Structures are given as C-alpha cells and as structure tokens.
Amino acid sequence: MRYLAVCHPTSPVAVLLEGDRQDEALAAFLDGDHHQWIDLARNDAAEVLPDVEDPRDLSEAEFDDALSAAGGRPVLDLDAEILEHGERPNHLPQDWSLWSLDG
C-alpha cells in the first residue's frame, strides 16, 4: 500500500494518506478544506509511524526524520504528484513538503 505524507512547515501539520481516501483527501487539500483531509488521514499516521502519537505535534524536521526512518522519500515536484492523482491544482502552496512511502 502506498502512502503520501503532507507537511506544512509554518504550523506543522503532517498527514498520511492511503488507498481510496487519497483522491478524496487530495481534493479536500486542493479545495482548502484542511480539517476534512486531516480527519480523513489521521488514522493512517499511527499505522505507518507507530511511535508518533500525533504527527501534528512534530516540528517539520522531526516529521522528516520520522518519515526517513520509516523508509519515506521526499517527492520534490508537488504539482506533478497531485496531477498524477487526477487533480488539477489551482493554487498550491510551494512551502508544503510531500513524501511517499510504502506501508
């Protein structure tokens, strides 16, 4: 199963997305409905990062370290990754980081 992890650096929010919920959560992300995509993906964090109680409590560096330890790799081109999922980004923040890992 493939997961996506999204991190916002100024107010650290880390969200792991998996399976059928990826499309729904990415659509909510693009629409700016942050609460929806956080709720959609919260349970996935415990599955992939079992030592992390709530990834939103981590700093960006701590989250990156946890993802690296779990075998994650950064996705450098966020626009391309979103487009790969069939979504069309209208206005995507450039300071978000996106990671990919297999669970």
PDB file of N, CA and C in Angstrom:
ATOM      1  N   MET A   1       0.842  -1.186   0.000  1.00  0.00           N
ATOM      2  CA  MET A   1       0.000   0.000   0.000  1.00  0.00           C
ATOM      3  C   MET A   1       0.884   1.245   0.000  1.00  0.00           C
ATOM      4  N   ARG A   2       0.530   2.221  -0.783  1.00  0.00           N
ATOM      5  CA  ARG A   2       1.332   3.435  -0.894  1.00  0.00           C
ATOM      6  C   ARG A   2       0.715   4.551  -0.073  1.00  0.00           C
ATOM      7  N   TYR A   3       1.555   5.272   0.637  1.00  0.00           N
ATOM      8  CA  TYR A   3       1.105   6.386   1.464  1.00  0.00           C
ATOM      9  C   TYR A   3       1.708   7.691   0.962  1.00  0.00           C
ATOM     10  N   LEU A   4       0.984   8.764   1.164  1.00  0.00           N
ATOM     11  CA  LEU A   4       1.520  10.103   0.947  1.00  0.00           C
ATOM     12  C   LEU A   4       1.496  10.829   2.276  1.00  0.00           C
ATOM     13  N   ALA A   5       2.539  11.560   2.556  1.00  0.00           N
ATOM     14  CA  ALA A   5       2.604  12.356   3.777  1.00  0.00           C
ATOM     15  C   ALA A   5       2.770  13.810   3.387  1.00  0.00           C
ATOM     16  N   VAL A   6       1.950  14.672   3.974  1.00  0.00           N
ATOM     17  CA  VAL A   6       1.975  16.096   3.650  1.00  0.00           C
ATOM     18  C   VAL A   6       2.352  16.868   4.907  1.00  0.00           C
ATOM     19  N   CYS A   7       3.255  17.818   4.785  1.00  0.00           N
ATOM     20  CA  CYS A   7       3.688  18.587   5.946  1.00  0.00           C
ATOM     21  C   CYS A   7       3.678  20.069   5.624  1.00  0.00           C
ATOM     22  N   HIS A   8       3.067  20.843   6.504  1.00  0.00           N
ATOM     23  CA  HIS A   8       3.053  22.299   6.377  1.00  0.00           C
ATOM     24  C   HIS A   8       4.074  22.857   7.358  1.00  0.00           C
ATOM     25  N   PRO A   9       5.080  23.602   6.883  1.00  0.00           N
ATOM     26  CA  PRO A   9       6.198  23.983   7.747  1.00  0.00           C
ATOM     27  C   PRO A   9       5.906  25.061   8.784  1.00  0.00           C
ATOM     28  N   THR A  10       4.964  25.963   8.546  1.00  0.00           N
ATOM     29  CA  THR A  10       4.784  27.070   9.478  1.00  0.00           C
ATOM     30  C   THR A  10       3.918  26.698  10.672  1.00  0.00           C
ATOM     31  N   SER A  11       2.938  25.847  10.468  1.00  0.00           N
ATOM     32  CA  SER A  11       2.174  25.308  11.588  1.00  0.00           C
ATOM     33  C   SER A  11       2.137  23.812  11.348  1.00  0.00           C
ATOM     34  N   PRO A  12       3.142  23.079  11.851  1.00  0.00           N
ATOM     35  CA  PRO A  12       3.362  21.702  11.407  1.00  0.00           C
ATOM     36  C   PRO A  12       2.105  20.833  11.439  1.00  0.00           C
ATOM     37  N   VAL A  13       1.685  20.444  10.290  1.00  0.00           N
ATOM     38  CA  VAL A  13       0.573  19.521  10.124  1.00  0.00           C
ATOM     39  C   VAL A  13       1.081  18.415   9.219  1.00  0.00           C
ATOM     40  N   ALA A  14       1.102  17.222   9.729  1.00  0.00           N
ATOM     41  CA  ALA A  14       1.577  16.096   8.942  1.00  0.00           C
ATOM     42  C   ALA A  14       0.427  15.119   8.773  1.00  0.00           C
ATOM     43  N   VAL A  15       0.158  14.733   7.562  1.00  0.00           N
ATOM     44  CA  VAL A  15      -0.984  13.875   7.290  1.00  0.00           C
ATOM     45  C   VAL A  15      -0.549  12.745   6.375  1.00  0.00           C
ATOM     46  N   LEU A  16      -0.926  11.542   6.714  1.00  0.00           N
ATOM     47  CA  LEU A  16      -0.617  10.400   5.869  1.00  0.00           C
ATOM     48  C   LEU A  16      -1.892   9.938   5.179  1.00  0.00           C
ATOM     49  N   LEU A  17      -1.794   9.742   3.905  1.00  0.00           N
ATOM     50  CA  LEU A  17      -2.953   9.365   3.104  1.00  0.00           C
ATOM     51  C   LEU A  17      -2.702   7.998   2.490  1.00  0.00           C
ATOM     52  N   GLU A  18      -3.741   7.194   2.391  1.00  0.00           N
ATOM     53  CA  GLU A  18      -3.550   5.889   1.771  1.00  0.00           C
ATOM     54  C   GLU A  18      -4.791   5.455   1.014  1.00  0.00           C
ATOM     55  N   GLY A  19      -4.568   4.529   0.098  1.00  0.00           N
ATOM     56  CA  GLY A  19      -5.643   3.832  -0.574  1.00  0.00           C
ATOM     57  C   GLY A  19      -6.678   4.727  -1.229  1.00  0.00           C
ATOM     58  N   ASP A  20      -7.953   4.316  -1.114  1.00  0.00           N
ATOM     59  CA  ASP A  20      -9.048   5.007  -1.788  1.00  0.00           C
ATOM     60  C   ASP A  20      -9.257   6.414  -1.260  1.00  0.00           C
ATOM     61  N   ARG A  21      -8.813   6.683  -0.043  1.00  0.00           N
ATOM     62  CA  ARG A  21      -9.038   8.005   0.534  1.00  0.00           C
ATOM     63  C   ARG A  21      -8.079   9.054  -0.015  1.00  0.00           C
ATOM     64  N   GLN A  22      -7.029   8.632  -0.736  1.00  0.00           N
ATOM     65  CA  GLN A  22      -6.083   9.613  -1.265  1.00  0.00           C
ATOM     66  C   GLN A  22      -6.769  10.637  -2.157  1.00  0.00           C
ATOM     67  N   ASP A  23      -7.565  10.167  -3.099  1.00  0.00           N
ATOM     68  CA  ASP A  23      -8.204  11.092  -4.037  1.00  0.00           C
ATOM     69  C   ASP A  23      -9.125  12.064  -3.309  1.00  0.00           C
ATOM     70  N   GLU A  24      -9.915  11.548  -2.372  1.00  0.00           N
ATOM     71  CA  GLU A  24     -10.839  12.400  -1.623  1.00  0.00           C
ATOM     72  C   GLU A  24     -10.077  13.406  -0.762  1.00  0.00           C
ATOM     73  N   ALA A  25      -9.020  12.934  -0.103  1.00  0.00           N
ATOM     74  CA  ALA A  25      -8.244  13.820   0.759  1.00  0.00           C
ATOM     75  C   ALA A  25      -7.470  14.853  -0.055  1.00  0.00           C
ATOM     76  N   LEU A  26      -6.915  14.447  -1.200  1.00  0.00           N
ATOM     77  CA  LEU A  26      -6.192  15.406  -2.038  1.00  0.00           C
ATOM     78  C   LEU A  26      -7.142  16.455  -2.596  1.00  0.00           C
ATOM     79  N   ALA A  27      -8.364  16.043  -2.939  1.00  0.00           N
ATOM     80  CA  ALA A  27      -9.345  17.017  -3.421  1.00  0.00           C
ATOM     81  C   ALA A  27      -9.675  18.020  -2.317  1.00  0.00           C
ATOM     82  N   ALA A  28      -9.827  17.539  -1.085  1.00  0.00           N
ATOM     83  CA  ALA A  28     -10.097  18.437   0.039  1.00  0.00           C
ATOM     84  C   ALA A  28      -8.909  19.367   0.278  1.00  0.00           C
ATOM     85  N   PHE A  29      -7.698  18.824   0.139  1.00  0.00           N
ATOM     86  CA  PHE A  29      -6.486  19.632   0.289  1.00  0.00           C
ATOM     87  C   PHE A  29      -6.471  20.760  -0.734  1.00  0.00           C
ATOM     88  N   LEU A  30      -6.777  20.431  -1.973  1.00  0.00           N
ATOM     89  CA  LEU A  30      -6.750  21.436  -3.042  1.00  0.00           C
ATOM     90  C   LEU A  30      -7.861  22.462  -2.877  1.00  0.00           C
ATOM     91  N   ASP A  31      -8.975  22.036  -2.277  1.00  0.00           N
ATOM     92  CA  ASP A  31     -10.091  22.959  -2.042  1.00  0.00           C
ATOM     93  C   ASP A  31      -9.883  23.809  -0.794  1.00  0.00           C
ATOM     94  N   GLY A  32      -8.806  23.539  -0.057  1.00  0.00           N
ATOM     95  CA  GLY A  32      -8.527  24.304   1.155  1.00  0.00           C
ATOM     96  C   GLY A  32      -9.288  23.826   2.374  1.00  0.00           C
ATOM     97  N   ASP A  33      -9.924  22.643   2.289  1.00  0.00           N
ATOM     98  CA  ASP A  33     -10.670  22.108   3.426  1.00  0.00           C
ATOM     99  C   ASP A  33      -9.727  21.276   4.294  1.00  0.00           C
ATOM    100  N   HIS A  34      -8.888  21.971   5.065  1.00  0.00           N
ATOM    101  CA  HIS A  34      -7.837  21.291   5.807  1.00  0.00           C
ATOM    102  C   HIS A  34      -8.381  20.331   6.846  1.00  0.00           C
ATOM    103  N   HIS A  35      -9.458  20.690   7.532  1.00  0.00           N
ATOM    104  CA  HIS A  35      -9.994  19.809   8.572  1.00  0.00           C
ATOM    105  C   HIS A  35     -10.447  18.481   7.977  1.00  0.00           C
ATOM    106  N   GLN A  36     -11.038  18.530   6.790  1.00  0.00           N
ATOM    107  CA  GLN A  36     -11.527  17.294   6.180  1.00  0.00           C
ATOM    108  C   GLN A  36     -10.380  16.349   5.863  1.00  0.00           C
ATOM    109  N   TRP A  37      -9.315  16.871   5.219  1.00  0.00           N
ATOM    110  CA  TRP A  37      -8.265  15.919   4.852  1.00  0.00           C
ATOM    111  C   TRP A  37      -7.430  15.491   6.036  1.00  0.00           C
ATOM    112  N   ILE A  38      -7.373  16.293   7.086  1.00  0.00           N
ATOM    113  CA  ILE A  38      -6.699  15.842   8.306  1.00  0.00           C
ATOM    114  C   ILE A  38      -7.494  14.692   8.926  1.00  0.00           C
ATOM    115  N   ASP A  39      -8.817  14.851   9.011  1.00  0.00           N
ATOM    116  CA  ASP A  39      -9.651  13.801   9.591  1.00  0.00           C
ATOM    117  C   ASP A  39      -9.617  12.531   8.753  1.00  0.00           C
ATOM    118  N   LEU A  40      -9.589  12.685   7.438  1.00  0.00           N
ATOM    119  CA  LEU A  40      -9.572  11.521   6.559  1.00  0.00           C
ATOM    120  C   LEU A  40      -8.328  10.673   6.775  1.00  0.00           C
ATOM    121  N   ALA A  41      -7.218  11.309   7.105  1.00  0.00           N
ATOM    122  CA  ALA A  41      -5.949  10.596   7.117  1.00  0.00           C
ATOM    123  C   ALA A  41      -5.357  10.350   8.493  1.00  0.00           C
ATOM    124  N   ARG A  42      -5.961  10.843   9.539  1.00  0.00           N
ATOM    125  CA  ARG A  42      -5.336  10.787  10.865  1.00  0.00           C
ATOM    126  C   ARG A  42      -4.995   9.361  11.291  1.00  0.00           C
ATOM    127  N   ASN A  43      -5.881   8.415  11.045  1.00  0.00           N
ATOM    128  CA  ASN A  43      -5.633   7.048  11.480  1.00  0.00           C
ATOM    129  C   ASN A  43      -4.454   6.411  10.767  1.00  0.00           C
ATOM    130  N   ASP A  44      -4.178   6.851   9.551  1.00  0.00           N
ATOM    131  CA  ASP A  44      -3.079   6.259   8.800  1.00  0.00           C
ATOM    132  C   ASP A  44      -1.732   6.563   9.434  1.00  0.00           C
ATOM    133  N   ALA A  45      -1.630   7.672  10.136  1.00  0.00           N
ATOM    134  CA  ALA A  45      -0.356   8.046  10.747  1.00  0.00           C
ATOM    135  C   ALA A  45       0.087   6.990  11.754  1.00  0.00           C
ATOM    136  N   ALA A  46      -0.841   6.511  12.574  1.00  0.00           N
ATOM    137  CA  ALA A  46      -0.500   5.515  13.582  1.00  0.00           C
ATOM    138  C   ALA A  46      -0.030   4.217  12.935  1.00  0.00           C
ATOM    139  N   GLU A  47      -0.560   3.913  11.761  1.00  0.00           N
ATOM    140  CA  GLU A  47      -0.194   2.686  11.073  1.00  0.00           C
ATOM    141  C   GLU A  47       1.238   2.743  10.547  1.00  0.00           C
ATOM    142  N   VAL A  48       1.636   3.877  10.006  1.00  0.00           N
ATOM    143  CA  VAL A  48       2.939   3.999   9.362  1.00  0.00           C
ATOM    144  C   VAL A  48       4.012   4.488  10.329  1.00  0.00           C
ATOM    145  N   LEU A  49       3.626   5.348  11.261  1.00  0.00           N
ATOM    146  CA  LEU A  49       4.570   5.882  12.248  1.00  0.00           C
ATOM    147  C   LEU A  49       4.062   5.522  13.648  1.00  0.00           C
ATOM    148  N   PRO A  50       4.185   4.246  14.049  1.00  0.00           N
ATOM    149  CA  PRO A  50       3.578   3.805  15.303  1.00  0.00           C
ATOM    150  C   PRO A  50       4.153   4.484  16.541  1.00  0.00           C
ATOM    151  N   ASP A  51       5.369   5.002  16.456  1.00  0.00           N
ATOM    152  CA  ASP A  51       5.981   5.658  17.619  1.00  0.00           C
ATOM    153  C   ASP A  51       5.568   7.117  17.759  1.00  0.00           C
ATOM    154  N   VAL A  52       4.775   7.609  16.814  1.00  0.00           N
ATOM    155  CA  VAL A  52       4.356   9.014  16.825  1.00  0.00           C
ATOM    156  C   VAL A  52       2.878   9.068  17.193  1.00  0.00           C
ATOM    157  N   GLU A  53       2.567   9.675  18.335  1.00  0.00           N
ATOM    158  CA  GLU A  53       1.171   9.718  18.787  1.00  0.00           C
ATOM    159  C   GLU A  53       0.315  10.590  17.872  1.00  0.00           C
ATOM    160  N   ASP A  54       0.774  11.805  17.588  1.00  0.00           N
ATOM    161  CA  ASP A  54       0.062  12.707  16.681  1.00  0.00           C
ATOM    162  C   ASP A  54       1.109  13.455  15.870  1.00  0.00           C
ATOM    163  N   PRO A  55       1.222  13.160  14.570  1.00  0.00           N
ATOM    164  CA  PRO A  55       2.275  13.786  13.768  1.00  0.00           C
ATOM    165  C   PRO A  55       2.170  15.301  13.721  1.00  0.00           C
ATOM    166  N   ARG A  56       0.992  15.837  14.043  1.00  0.00           N
ATOM    167  CA  ARG A  56       0.842  17.292  14.027  1.00  0.00           C
ATOM    168  C   ARG A  56       1.598  17.959  15.171  1.00  0.00           C
ATOM    169  N   ASP A  57       2.026  17.152  16.158  1.00  0.00           N
ATOM    170  CA  ASP A  57       2.799  17.696  17.274  1.00  0.00           C
ATOM    171  C   ASP A  57       4.283  17.824  16.951  1.00  0.00           C
ATOM    172  N   LEU A  58       4.715  17.289  15.822  1.00  0.00           N
ATOM    173  CA  LEU A  58       6.128  17.298  15.461  1.00  0.00           C
ATOM    174  C   LEU A  58       6.507  18.571  14.723  1.00  0.00           C
ATOM    175  N   SER A  59       7.761  18.953  14.877  1.00  0.00           N
ATOM    176  CA  SER A  59       8.284  20.025  14.028  1.00  0.00           C
ATOM    177  C   SER A  59       8.493  19.450  12.629  1.00  0.00           C
ATOM    178  N   GLU A  60       8.733  20.309  11.664  1.00  0.00           N
ATOM    179  CA  GLU A  60       8.970  19.828  10.304  1.00  0.00           C
ATOM    180  C   GLU A  60      10.176  18.893  10.268  1.00  0.00           C
ATOM    181  N   ALA A  61      11.256  19.256  10.963  1.00  0.00           N
ATOM    182  CA  ALA A  61      12.469  18.429  10.965  1.00  0.00           C
ATOM    183  C   ALA A  61      12.209  17.073  11.628  1.00  0.00           C
ATOM    184  N   GLU A  62      11.468  17.071  12.741  1.00  0.00           N
ATOM    185  CA  GLU A  62      11.152  15.815  13.427  1.00  0.00           C
ATOM    186  C   GLU A  62      10.288  14.914  12.549  1.00  0.00           C
ATOM    187  N   PHE A  63       9.349  15.523  11.843  1.00  0.00           N
ATOM    188  CA  PHE A  63       8.488  14.751  10.950  1.00  0.00           C
ATOM    189  C   PHE A  63       9.297  14.166   9.801  1.00  0.00           C
ATOM    190  N   ASP A  64      10.183  14.979   9.219  1.00  0.00           N
ATOM    191  CA  ASP A  64      11.042  14.480   8.142  1.00  0.00           C
ATOM    192  C   ASP A  64      11.895  13.312   8.633  1.00  0.00           C
ATOM    193  N   ASP A  65      12.439  13.423   9.848  1.00  0.00           N
ATOM    194  CA  ASP A  65      13.253  12.341  10.410  1.00  0.00           C
ATOM    195  C   ASP A  65      12.425  11.071  10.597  1.00  0.00           C
ATOM    196  N   ALA A  66      11.191  11.224  11.100  1.00  0.00           N
ATOM    197  CA  ALA A  66      10.326  10.060  11.310  1.00  0.00           C
ATOM    198  C   ALA A  66       9.982   9.389   9.983  1.00  0.00           C
ATOM    199  N   LEU A  67       9.724  10.200   8.959  1.00  0.00           N
ATOM    200  CA  LEU A  67       9.412   9.631   7.647  1.00  0.00           C
ATOM    201  C   LEU A  67      10.621   8.930   7.047  1.00  0.00           C
ATOM    202  N   SER A  68      11.795   9.525   7.189  1.00  0.00           N
ATOM    203  CA  SER A  68      13.016   8.888   6.684  1.00  0.00           C
ATOM    204  C   SER A  68      13.237   7.547   7.371  1.00  0.00           C
ATOM    205  N   ALA A  69      13.045   7.514   8.689  1.00  0.00           N
ATOM    206  CA  ALA A  69      13.233   6.280   9.444  1.00  0.00           C
ATOM    207  C   ALA A  69      12.238   5.205   9.012  1.00  0.00           C
ATOM    208  N   ALA A  70      11.060   5.627   8.542  1.00  0.00           N
ATOM    209  CA  ALA A  70      10.035   4.679   8.090  1.00  0.00           C
ATOM    210  C   ALA A  70      10.227   4.283   6.629  1.00  0.00           C
ATOM    211  N   GLY A  71      11.281   4.780   5.995  1.00  0.00           N
ATOM    212  CA  GLY A  71      11.551   4.426   4.604  1.00  0.00           C
ATOM    213  C   GLY A  71      10.934   5.368   3.601  1.00  0.00           C
ATOM    214  N   GLY A  72      10.523   6.542   4.047  1.00  0.00           N
ATOM    215  CA  GLY A  72       9.907   7.504   3.136  1.00  0.00           C
ATOM    216  C   GLY A  72      10.922   8.199   2.248  1.00  0.00           C
ATOM    217  N   ARG A  73      10.429   8.729   1.145  1.00  0.00           N
ATOM    218  CA  ARG A  73      11.278   9.513   0.249  1.00  0.00           C
ATOM    219  C   ARG A  73      10.531  10.793  -0.086  1.00  0.00           C
ATOM    220  N   PRO A  74      11.249  11.924  -0.136  1.00  0.00           N
ATOM    221  CA  PRO A  74      10.567  13.169  -0.478  1.00  0.00           C
ATOM    222  C   PRO A  74      10.148  13.192  -1.940  1.00  0.00           C
ATOM    223  N   VAL A  75       8.981  13.729  -2.202  1.00  0.00           N
ATOM    224  CA  VAL A  75       8.516  13.957  -3.566  1.00  0.00           C
ATOM    225  C   VAL A  75       8.803  15.419  -3.864  1.00  0.00           C
ATOM    226  N   LEU A  76       9.706  15.665  -4.792  1.00  0.00           N
ATOM    227  CA  LEU A  76      10.187  17.024  -5.000  1.00  0.00           C
ATOM    228  C   LEU A  76       9.229  17.881  -5.803  1.00  0.00           C
ATOM    229  N   ASP A  77       8.475  17.268  -6.710  1.00  0.00           N
ATOM    230  CA  ASP A  77       7.585  18.041  -7.569  1.00  0.00           C
ATOM    231  C   ASP A  77       6.142  17.829  -7.122  1.00  0.00           C
ATOM    232  N   LEU A  78       5.683  18.696  -6.224  1.00  0.00           N
ATOM    233  CA  LEU A  78       4.343  18.544  -5.653  1.00  0.00           C
ATOM    234  C   LEU A  78       3.266  18.648  -6.724  1.00  0.00           C
ATOM    235  N   ASP A  79       3.397  19.602  -7.647  1.00  0.00           N
ATOM    236  CA  ASP A  79       2.391  19.755  -8.699  1.00  0.00           C
ATOM    237  C   ASP A  79       2.251  18.483  -9.516  1.00  0.00           C
ATOM    238  N   ALA A  80       3.372  17.877  -9.892  1.00  0.00           N
ATOM    239  CA  ALA A  80       3.332  16.662 -10.706  1.00  0.00           C
ATOM    240  C   ALA A  80       2.691  15.516  -9.935  1.00  0.00           C
ATOM    241  N   GLU A  81       2.987  15.425  -8.650  1.00  0.00           N
ATOM    242  CA  GLU A  81       2.407  14.354  -7.840  1.00  0.00           C
ATOM    243  C   GLU A  81       0.896  14.503  -7.742  1.00  0.00           C
ATOM    244  N   ILE A  82       0.419  15.724  -7.552  1.00  0.00           N
ATOM    245  CA  ILE A  82      -1.019  15.953  -7.481  1.00  0.00           C
ATOM    246  C   ILE A  82      -1.663  15.641  -8.830  1.00  0.00           C
ATOM    247  N   LEU A  83      -1.048  16.102  -9.905  1.00  0.00           N
ATOM    248  CA  LEU A  83      -1.598  15.849 -11.235  1.00  0.00           C
ATOM    249  C   LEU A  83      -1.652  14.355 -11.533  1.00  0.00           C
ATOM    250  N   GLU A  84      -0.678  13.612 -11.021  1.00  0.00           N
ATOM    251  CA  GLU A  84      -0.648  12.171 -11.223  1.00  0.00           C
ATOM    252  C   GLU A  84      -1.890  11.519 -10.626  1.00  0.00           C
ATOM    253  N   HIS A  85      -2.472  12.138  -9.611  1.00  0.00           N
ATOM    254  CA  HIS A  85      -3.667  11.606  -8.972  1.00  0.00           C
ATOM    255  C   HIS A  85      -4.949  12.139  -9.614  1.00  0.00           C
ATOM    256  N   GLY A  86      -4.824  12.840 -10.728  1.00  0.00           N
ATOM    257  CA  GLY A  86      -6.004  13.285 -11.444  1.00  0.00           C
ATOM    258  C   GLY A  86      -6.586  14.588 -10.958  1.00  0.00           C
ATOM    259  N   GLU A  87      -5.913  15.257 -10.046  1.00  0.00           N
ATOM    260  CA  GLU A  87      -6.415  16.529  -9.541  1.00  0.00           C
ATOM    261  C   GLU A  87      -5.682  17.662 -10.250  1.00  0.00           C
ATOM    262  N   ARG A  88      -6.343  18.785 -10.389  1.00  0.00           N
ATOM    263  CA  ARG A  88      -5.727  19.938 -11.056  1.00  0.00           C
ATOM    264  C   ARG A  88      -5.527  21.044 -10.030  1.00  0.00           C
ATOM    265  N   PRO A  89      -4.271  21.267  -9.614  1.00  0.00           N
ATOM    266  CA  PRO A  89      -4.050  22.287  -8.591  1.00  0.00           C
ATOM    267  C   PRO A  89      -4.289  23.685  -9.133  1.00  0.00           C
ATOM    268  N   ASN A  90      -5.140  24.441  -8.460  1.00  0.00           N
ATOM    269  CA  ASN A  90      -5.378  25.824  -8.862  1.00  0.00           C
ATOM    270  C   ASN A  90      -4.343  26.743  -8.233  1.00  0.00           C
ATOM    271  N   HIS A  91      -4.128  26.582  -6.946  1.00  0.00           N
ATOM    272  CA  HIS A  91      -3.141  27.404  -6.260  1.00  0.00           C
ATOM    273  C   HIS A  91      -2.544  26.559  -5.151  1.00  0.00           C
ATOM    274  N   LEU A  92      -1.369  26.034  -5.392  1.00  0.00           N
ATOM    275  CA  LEU A  92      -0.752  25.112  -4.461  1.00  0.00           C
ATOM    276  C   LEU A  92       0.399  25.792  -3.731  1.00  0.00           C
ATOM    277  N   PRO A  93       0.393  25.819  -2.407  1.00  0.00           N
ATOM    278  CA  PRO A  93       1.488  26.455  -1.672  1.00  0.00           C
ATOM    279  C   PRO A  93       2.817  25.773  -1.982  1.00  0.00           C
ATOM    280  N   GLN A  94       3.835  26.553  -2.241  1.00  0.00           N
ATOM    281  CA  GLN A  94       5.133  25.989  -2.596  1.00  0.00           C
ATOM    282  C   GLN A  94       5.923  25.517  -1.381  1.00  0.00           C
ATOM    283  N   ASP A  95       5.501  25.908  -0.170  1.00  0.00           N
ATOM    284  CA  ASP A  95       6.286  25.549   1.007  1.00  0.00           C
ATOM    285  C   ASP A  95       5.823  24.246   1.668  1.00  0.00           C
ATOM    286  N   TRP A  96       4.849  23.576   1.086  1.00  0.00           N
ATOM    287  CA  TRP A  96       4.437  22.282   1.615  1.00  0.00           C
ATOM    288  C   TRP A  96       5.431  21.233   1.145  1.00  0.00           C
ATOM    289  N   SER A  97       5.691  20.235   1.980  1.00  0.00           N
ATOM    290  CA  SER A  97       6.529  19.126   1.551  1.00  0.00           C
ATOM    291  C   SER A  97       5.661  17.877   1.439  1.00  0.00           C
ATOM    292  N   LEU A  98       5.997  17.041   0.495  1.00  0.00           N
ATOM    293  CA  LEU A  98       5.238  15.818   0.246  1.00  0.00           C
ATOM    294  C   LEU A  98       6.212  14.650   0.231  1.00  0.00           C
ATOM    295  N   TRP A  99       5.852  13.584   0.916  1.00  0.00           N
ATOM    296  CA  TRP A  99       6.680  12.388   0.986  1.00  0.00           C
ATOM    297  C   TRP A  99       5.867  11.196   0.501  1.00  0.00           C
ATOM    298  N   SER A 100       6.563  10.194   0.027  1.00  0.00           N
ATOM    299  CA  SER A 100       5.920   8.966  -0.408  1.00  0.00           C
ATOM    300  C   SER A 100       6.595   7.796   0.300  1.00  0.00           C
ATOM    301  N   LEU A 101       5.804   6.850   0.778  1.00  0.00           N
ATOM    302  CA  LEU A 101       6.378   5.652   1.370  1.00  0.00           C
ATOM    303  C   LEU A 101       5.406   4.493   1.213  1.00  0.00           C
ATOM    304  N   ASP A 102       5.951   3.304   1.245  1.00  0.00           N
ATOM    305  CA  ASP A 102       5.135   2.101   1.133  1.00  0.00           C
ATOM    306  C   ASP A 102       4.901   1.538   2.522  1.00  0.00           C
ATOM    307  N   GLY A 103       3.665   1.152   2.783  1.00  0.00           N
ATOM    308  CA  GLY A 103       3.338   0.607   4.092  1.00  0.00           C
ATOM    309  C   GLY A 103       3.043  -0.868   4.009  1.00  0.00           C
TER     310      GLY A 103
END
